[in-house]
């Protein structure tokens, strides 16, 4: 290449190397930094998606537990009525006991406890020494729970202390022989408070 051609190309003829073009000299420091930044942004985005996925998975699991616990309490109310274990007067909010003349279902949010001798959730004889848990895995011997439904020693359990259940029973204005039962589950996931509500109706036994 002639000397004037090298000067036109912006090169010093003394530093020019035959067969090496400018674009073949490799990445500059700025290009390398930009590449690293792009990769880091991509990794941060993946981390955010992964974290959100774990949060949604936990939320779905606890939503299912709340629904199951509400249905469980509702079933015991119907079973107690159908078996004549409780009378119509007792199927109300109050602090009475089975066999009395007042409502037996405690007002306000209550912790999730095992039922007492009456076998009905949300009444005054619920067992505070036996809080509800979810059995998430067996112990080293492969046992999940005993024949009585109590978690086996060493089994993996999830305490439900973050969850409350409220049973509200109200008369239907247009029909005194029908009452509305509203069961509200309230629970906290991280900084979010969630609720699940189950509404049903119960009629006075014939």
C-alpha atoms as a PDB file:
ATOM      1  CA  UNK A   1       0.000   0.000   0.000  1.00  0.00           C
ATOM      2  CA  UNK A   2       1.305   3.429  -0.839  1.00  0.00           C
ATOM      3  CA  UNK A   3       2.172   5.941   1.852  1.00  0.00           C
ATOM      4  CA  UNK A   4      -0.560   8.338   0.849  1.00  0.00           C
ATOM      5  CA  UNK A   5      -3.133   5.538   0.969  1.00  0.00           C
ATOM      6  CA  UNK A   6      -2.202   4.708   4.558  1.00  0.00           C
ATOM      7  CA  UNK A   7      -2.551   8.319   5.597  1.00  0.00           C
ATOM      8  CA  UNK A   8      -5.941   8.509   3.928  1.00  0.00           C
ATOM      9  CA  UNK A   9      -7.074   5.500   5.926  1.00  0.00           C
ATOM     10  CA  UNK A  10      -6.076   7.199   9.190  1.00  0.00           C
ATOM     11  CA  UNK A  11      -3.169   4.861   9.900  1.00  0.00           C
ATOM     12  CA  UNK A  12       0.437   5.540  10.746  1.00  0.00           C
ATOM     13  CA  UNK A  13       2.439   3.752   8.119  1.00  0.00           C
ATOM     14  CA  UNK A  14       5.142   2.958  10.636  1.00  0.00           C
ATOM     15  CA  UNK A  15       2.659   1.078  12.889  1.00  0.00           C
ATOM     16  CA  UNK A  16       0.684  -0.666  10.200  1.00  0.00           C
ATOM     17  CA  UNK A  17       0.871  -4.452  10.103  1.00  0.00           C
ATOM     18  CA  UNK A  18       0.339  -6.250   6.842  1.00  0.00           C
ATOM     19  CA  UNK A  19      -2.820  -8.364   6.720  1.00  0.00           C
ATOM     20  CA  UNK A  20      -4.392  -6.984   9.969  1.00  0.00           C
ATOM     21  CA  UNK A  21      -7.560  -4.926   9.651  1.00  0.00           C
ATOM     22  CA  UNK A  22      -8.957  -2.621  12.360  1.00  0.00           C
ATOM     23  CA  UNK A  23     -12.069  -4.714  12.930  1.00  0.00           C
ATOM     24  CA  UNK A  24      -9.935  -7.779  13.700  1.00  0.00           C
ATOM     25  CA  UNK A  25      -8.125  -6.173  16.633  1.00  0.00           C
ATOM     26  CA  UNK A  26     -10.694  -7.593  19.237  1.00  0.00           C
ATOM     27  CA  UNK A  27     -13.138  -6.090  21.800  1.00  0.00           C
ATOM     28  CA  UNK A  28     -12.466  -2.787  23.424  1.00  0.00           C
ATOM     29  CA  UNK A  29     -12.815  -2.380  27.196  1.00  0.00           C
ATOM     30  CA  UNK A  30     -16.111  -0.505  26.739  1.00  0.00           C
ATOM     31  CA  UNK A  31     -17.573  -3.288  24.612  1.00  0.00           C
ATOM     32  CA  UNK A  32     -16.601  -5.867  27.232  1.00  0.00           C
ATOM     33  CA  UNK A  33     -18.224  -3.842  30.008  1.00  0.00           C
ATOM     34  CA  UNK A  34     -21.424  -3.454  28.012  1.00  0.00           C
ATOM     35  CA  UNK A  35     -21.524  -7.215  27.376  1.00  0.00           C
ATOM     36  CA  UNK A  36     -21.102  -7.946  31.097  1.00  0.00           C
ATOM     37  CA  UNK A  37     -23.867  -5.472  31.930  1.00  0.00           C
ATOM     38  CA  UNK A  38     -26.268  -7.128  29.489  1.00  0.00           C
ATOM     39  CA  UNK A  39     -25.546 -10.569  30.970  1.00  0.00           C
ATOM     40  CA  UNK A  40     -26.052  -9.270  34.518  1.00  0.00           C
ATOM     41  CA  UNK A  41     -29.398  -7.704  33.609  1.00  0.00           C
ATOM     42  CA  UNK A  42     -30.507 -11.002  32.103  1.00  0.00           C
ATOM     43  CA  UNK A  43     -29.537 -12.932  35.257  1.00  0.00           C
ATOM     44  CA  UNK A  44     -31.358 -10.438  37.488  1.00  0.00           C
ATOM     45  CA  UNK A  45     -34.486 -10.817  35.361  1.00  0.00           C
ATOM     46  CA  UNK A  46     -34.312 -14.606  35.685  1.00  0.00           C
ATOM     47  CA  UNK A  47     -33.906 -14.308  39.455  1.00  0.00           C
ATOM     48  CA  UNK A  48     -36.994 -12.095  39.679  1.00  0.00           C
ATOM     49  CA  UNK A  49     -39.046 -14.580  37.639  1.00  0.00           C
ATOM     50  CA  UNK A  50     -37.829 -17.497  39.799  1.00  0.00           C
ATOM     51  CA  UNK A  51     -38.660 -15.656  43.036  1.00  0.00           C
ATOM     52  CA  UNK A  52     -42.121 -14.754  41.756  1.00  0.00           C
ATOM     53  CA  UNK A  53     -42.709 -18.361  40.770  1.00  0.00           C
ATOM     54  CA  UNK A  54     -41.841 -19.592  44.271  1.00  0.00           C
ATOM     55  CA  UNK A  55     -44.152 -16.979  45.797  1.00  0.00           C
ATOM     56  CA  UNK A  56     -47.051 -18.016  43.563  1.00  0.00           C
ATOM     57  CA  UNK A  57     -46.448 -21.671  44.375  1.00  0.00           C
ATOM     58  CA  UNK A  58     -46.597 -20.945  48.124  1.00  0.00           C
ATOM     59  CA  UNK A  59     -49.692 -18.801  47.666  1.00  0.00           C
ATOM     60  CA  UNK A  60     -51.473 -21.542  45.724  1.00  0.00           C
ATOM     61  CA  UNK A  61     -50.613 -24.099  48.398  1.00  0.00           C
ATOM     62  CA  UNK A  62     -51.961 -21.958  51.229  1.00  0.00           C
ATOM     63  CA  UNK A  63     -55.071 -21.029  49.226  1.00  0.00           C
ATOM     64  CA  UNK A  64     -55.840 -24.735  48.923  1.00  0.00           C
ATOM     65  CA  UNK A  65     -55.259 -25.305  52.662  1.00  0.00           C
ATOM     66  CA  UNK A  66     -57.584 -22.411  53.534  1.00  0.00           C
ATOM     67  CA  UNK A  67     -60.302 -23.800  51.293  1.00  0.00           C
ATOM     68  CA  UNK A  68     -59.933 -27.290  52.789  1.00  0.00           C
ATOM     69  CA  UNK A  69     -60.085 -25.983  56.369  1.00  0.00           C
ATOM     70  CA  UNK A  70     -63.222 -23.973  55.645  1.00  0.00           C
ATOM     71  CA  UNK A  71     -64.952 -26.970  54.071  1.00  0.00           C
ATOM     72  CA  UNK A  72     -63.858 -29.182  56.968  1.00  0.00           C
ATOM     73  CA  UNK A  73     -65.543 -26.890  59.513  1.00  0.00           C
ATOM     74  CA  UNK A  74     -68.698 -26.598  57.398  1.00  0.00           C
ATOM     75  CA  UNK A  75     -69.010 -30.384  57.159  1.00  0.00           C
ATOM     76  CA  UNK A  76     -68.890 -30.801  60.951  1.00  0.00           C
ATOM     77  CA  UNK A  77     -71.769 -28.331  61.353  1.00  0.00           C
ATOM     78  CA  UNK A  78     -73.988 -30.264  58.939  1.00  0.00           C
ATOM     79  CA  UNK A  79     -72.960 -33.585  60.490  1.00  0.00           C
ATOM     80  CA  UNK A  80     -73.829 -32.336  63.982  1.00  0.00           C
ATOM     81  CA  UNK A  81     -77.270 -31.207  62.802  1.00  0.00           C
ATOM     82  CA  UNK A  82     -78.020 -34.380  60.840  1.00  0.00           C
ATOM     83  CA  UNK A  83     -77.046 -36.600  63.784  1.00  0.00           C
ATOM     84  CA  UNK A  84     -79.139 -34.488  66.199  1.00  0.00           C
ATOM     85  CA  UNK A  85     -75.971 -33.838  68.210  1.00  0.00           C
ATOM     86  CA  UNK A  86     -76.971 -30.178  68.389  1.00  0.00           C
ATOM     87  CA  UNK A  87     -80.378 -28.539  68.242  1.00  0.00           C
ATOM     88  CA  UNK A  88     -81.458 -25.534  66.193  1.00  0.00           C
ATOM     89  CA  UNK A  89     -80.886 -23.070  69.039  1.00  0.00           C
ATOM     90  CA  UNK A  90     -77.270 -24.162  69.391  1.00  0.00           C
ATOM     91  CA  UNK A  91     -76.419 -23.589  65.714  1.00  0.00           C
ATOM     92  CA  UNK A  92     -75.607 -19.940  66.380  1.00  0.00           C
ATOM     93  CA  UNK A  93     -72.707 -17.844  67.596  1.00  0.00           C
ATOM     94  CA  UNK A  94     -72.208 -17.887  71.337  1.00  0.00           C
ATOM     95  CA  UNK A  95     -70.071 -19.384  74.074  1.00  0.00           C
ATOM     96  CA  UNK A  96     -72.323 -22.223  75.144  1.00  0.00           C
ATOM     97  CA  UNK A  97     -71.620 -25.951  75.121  1.00  0.00           C
ATOM     98  CA  UNK A  98     -73.310 -28.791  73.301  1.00  0.00           C
ATOM     99  CA  UNK A  99     -76.462 -29.737  75.208  1.00  0.00           C
ATOM    100  CA  UNK A 100     -77.097 -26.197  76.416  1.00  0.00           C
ATOM    101  CA  UNK A 101     -79.639 -23.630  75.326  1.00  0.00           C
ATOM    102  CA  UNK A 102     -77.382 -21.060  73.628  1.00  0.00           C
ATOM    103  CA  UNK A 103     -75.209 -20.861  70.518  1.00  0.00           C
ATOM    104  CA  UNK A 104     -72.000 -22.885  70.611  1.00  0.00           C
ATOM    105  CA  UNK A 105     -69.883 -21.342  67.836  1.00  0.00           C
ATOM    106  CA  UNK A 106     -67.327 -18.873  69.158  1.00  0.00           C
ATOM    107  CA  UNK A 107     -67.539 -15.365  67.675  1.00  0.00           C
ATOM    108  CA  UNK A 108     -64.597 -13.685  65.960  1.00  0.00           C
ATOM    109  CA  UNK A 109     -61.479 -15.174  64.338  1.00  0.00           C
ATOM    110  CA  UNK A 110     -60.229 -18.305  66.096  1.00  0.00           C
ATOM    111  CA  UNK A 111     -56.946 -20.230  65.849  1.00  0.00           C
ATOM    112  CA  UNK A 112     -57.080 -23.554  64.061  1.00  0.00           C
ATOM    113  CA  UNK A 113     -57.289 -26.186  66.785  1.00  0.00           C
ATOM    114  CA  UNK A 114     -58.316 -29.818  66.914  1.00  0.00           C
ATOM    115  CA  UNK A 115     -61.985 -30.221  67.889  1.00  0.00           C
ATOM    116  CA  UNK A 116     -62.797 -31.208  71.445  1.00  0.00           C
ATOM    117  CA  UNK A 117     -65.101 -34.017  72.574  1.00  0.00           C
ATOM    118  CA  UNK A 118     -68.017 -32.613  70.544  1.00  0.00           C
ATOM    119  CA  UNK A 119     -66.044 -33.119  67.315  1.00  0.00           C
ATOM    120  CA  UNK A 120     -67.134 -29.703  66.001  1.00  0.00           C
ATOM    121  CA  UNK A 121     -64.681 -27.007  64.970  1.00  0.00           C
ATOM    122  CA  UNK A 122     -64.959 -23.492  66.365  1.00  0.00           C
ATOM    123  CA  UNK A 123     -66.625 -24.291  69.695  1.00  0.00           C
ATOM    124  CA  UNK A 124     -65.565 -23.648  73.288  1.00  0.00           C
ATOM    125  CA  UNK A 125     -64.120 -27.136  73.820  1.00  0.00           C
ATOM    126  CA  UNK A 126     -61.576 -26.987  70.974  1.00  0.00           C
ATOM    127  CA  UNK A 127     -58.225 -28.366  72.147  1.00  0.00           C
ATOM    128  CA  UNK A 128     -55.578 -25.599  72.490  1.00  0.00           C
ATOM    129  CA  UNK A 129     -52.896 -28.198  73.181  1.00  0.00           C
ATOM    130  CA  UNK A 130     -53.406 -29.707  69.732  1.00  0.00           C
ATOM    131  CA  UNK A 131     -53.148 -26.973  67.066  1.00  0.00           C
ATOM    132  CA  UNK A 132     -53.794 -27.897  63.453  1.00  0.00           C
ATOM    133  CA  UNK A 133     -50.782 -28.693  61.284  1.00  0.00           C
ATOM    134  CA  UNK A 134     -50.279 -29.952  57.749  1.00  0.00           C
ATOM    135  CA  UNK A 135     -48.213 -33.120  57.450  1.00  0.00           C
ATOM    136  CA  UNK A 136     -45.758 -32.392  54.631  1.00  0.00           C
ATOM    137  CA  UNK A 137     -43.579 -35.482  54.827  1.00  0.00           C
ATOM    138  CA  UNK A 138     -42.900 -38.747  56.697  1.00  0.00           C
ATOM    139  CA  UNK A 139     -40.347 -39.351  59.423  1.00  0.00           C
ATOM    140  CA  UNK A 140     -37.219 -41.443  58.937  1.00  0.00           C
ATOM    141  CA  UNK A 141     -39.297 -44.621  59.284  1.00  0.00           C
ATOM    142  CA  UNK A 142     -41.728 -43.535  56.577  1.00  0.00           C
ATOM    143  CA  UNK A 143     -44.618 -42.895  58.991  1.00  0.00           C
ATOM    144  CA  UNK A 144     -46.845 -39.860  58.473  1.00  0.00           C
ATOM    145  CA  UNK A 145     -49.302 -40.026  61.375  1.00  0.00           C
ATOM    146  CA  UNK A 146     -50.754 -42.310  64.000  1.00  0.00           C
ATOM    147  CA  UNK A 147     -54.089 -44.102  63.753  1.00  0.00           C
ATOM    148  CA  UNK A 148     -55.665 -41.153  65.590  1.00  0.00           C
ATOM    149  CA  UNK A 149     -54.494 -38.755  62.884  1.00  0.00           C
ATOM    150  CA  UNK A 150     -51.787 -37.197  65.076  1.00  0.00           C
ATOM    151  CA  UNK A 151     -48.483 -36.508  63.251  1.00  0.00           C
ATOM    152  CA  UNK A 152     -45.938 -39.235  63.861  1.00  0.00           C
ATOM    153  CA  UNK A 153     -42.860 -38.177  65.872  1.00  0.00           C
ATOM    154  CA  UNK A 154     -40.237 -36.770  63.543  1.00  0.00           C
ATOM    155  CA  UNK A 155     -42.603 -36.242  60.613  1.00  0.00           C
ATOM    156  CA  UNK A 156     -42.392 -33.010  58.636  1.00  0.00           C
ATOM    157  CA  UNK A 157     -45.227 -30.665  59.580  1.00  0.00           C
ATOM    158  CA  UNK A 158     -46.295 -27.126  58.640  1.00  0.00           C
ATOM    159  CA  UNK A 159     -47.856 -25.260  61.606  1.00  0.00           C
ATOM    160  CA  UNK A 160     -50.965 -23.267  60.722  1.00  0.00           C
ATOM    161  CA  UNK A 161     -50.431 -20.584  63.346  1.00  0.00           C
ATOM    162  CA  UNK A 162     -50.519 -17.936  60.593  1.00  0.00           C
ATOM    163  CA  UNK A 163     -54.134 -18.829  59.775  1.00  0.00           C
ATOM    164  CA  UNK A 164     -57.428 -18.092  61.571  1.00  0.00           C
ATOM    165  CA  UNK A 165     -61.003 -19.239  60.980  1.00  0.00           C
ATOM    166  CA  UNK A 166     -64.158 -17.301  61.757  1.00  0.00           C
ATOM    167  CA  UNK A 167     -67.597 -18.936  61.751  1.00  0.00           C
ATOM    168  CA  UNK A 168     -70.486 -16.489  61.461  1.00  0.00           C
ATOM    169  CA  UNK A 169     -74.077 -17.700  61.625  1.00  0.00           C
ATOM    170  CA  UNK A 170     -76.984 -15.346  60.935  1.00  0.00           C
ATOM    171  CA  UNK A 171     -80.709 -15.795  60.485  1.00  0.00           C
ATOM    172  CA  UNK A 172     -82.117 -15.317  57.015  1.00  0.00           C
ATOM    173  CA  UNK A 173     -84.581 -12.448  57.427  1.00  0.00           C
ATOM    174  CA  UNK A 174     -87.234 -13.860  55.140  1.00  0.00           C
ATOM    175  CA  UNK A 175     -87.208 -17.328  56.683  1.00  0.00           C
ATOM    176  CA  UNK A 176     -86.562 -18.035  60.352  1.00  0.00           C
ATOM    177  CA  UNK A 177     -85.969 -21.711  59.651  1.00  0.00           C
ATOM    178  CA  UNK A 178     -82.879 -21.018  57.502  1.00  0.00           C
ATOM    179  CA  UNK A 179     -79.528 -19.588  58.577  1.00  0.00           C
ATOM    180  CA  UNK A 180     -76.553 -18.401  56.606  1.00  0.00           C
ATOM    181  CA  UNK A 181     -73.157 -19.795  57.587  1.00  0.00           C
ATOM    182  CA  UNK A 182     -70.122 -17.749  56.535  1.00  0.00           C
ATOM    183  CA  UNK A 183     -66.671 -19.202  57.205  1.00  0.00           C
ATOM    184  CA  UNK A 184     -63.807 -16.773  56.665  1.00  0.00           C
ATOM    185  CA  UNK A 185     -60.208 -17.954  56.557  1.00  0.00           C
ATOM    186  CA  UNK A 186     -57.561 -15.259  57.044  1.00  0.00           C
ATOM    187  CA  UNK A 187     -53.855 -15.960  56.535  1.00  0.00           C
ATOM    188  CA  UNK A 188     -50.612 -14.121  55.866  1.00  0.00           C
ATOM    189  CA  UNK A 189     -48.127 -14.906  53.098  1.00  0.00           C
ATOM    190  CA  UNK A 190     -45.056 -12.731  53.460  1.00  0.00           C
ATOM    191  CA  UNK A 191     -46.381  -9.201  53.765  1.00  0.00           C
ATOM    192  CA  UNK A 192     -49.692 -10.018  52.072  1.00  0.00           C
ATOM    193  CA  UNK A 193     -52.887 -10.790  54.016  1.00  0.00           C
ATOM    194  CA  UNK A 194     -55.300 -13.032  52.138  1.00  0.00           C
ATOM    195  CA  UNK A 195     -58.819 -14.261  52.867  1.00  0.00           C
ATOM    196  CA  UNK A 196     -60.986 -17.113  51.660  1.00  0.00           C
ATOM    197  CA  UNK A 197     -64.708 -17.137  52.337  1.00  0.00           C
ATOM    198  CA  UNK A 198     -67.155 -20.012  52.141  1.00  0.00           C
ATOM    199  CA  UNK A 199     -70.892 -19.268  52.351  1.00  0.00           C
ATOM    200  CA  UNK A 200     -73.636 -21.857  52.756  1.00  0.00           C
ATOM    201  CA  UNK A 201     -77.142 -22.206  54.202  1.00  0.00           C
ATOM    202  CA  UNK A 202     -78.510 -24.593  56.769  1.00  0.00           C
ATOM    203  CA  UNK A 203     -82.139 -25.321  57.490  1.00  0.00           C
ATOM    204  CA  UNK A 204     -83.865 -26.243  60.706  1.00  0.00           C
ATOM    205  CA  UNK A 205     -84.214 -30.009  61.063  1.00  0.00           C
ATOM    206  CA  UNK A 206     -87.747 -31.350  60.772  1.00  0.00           C
END
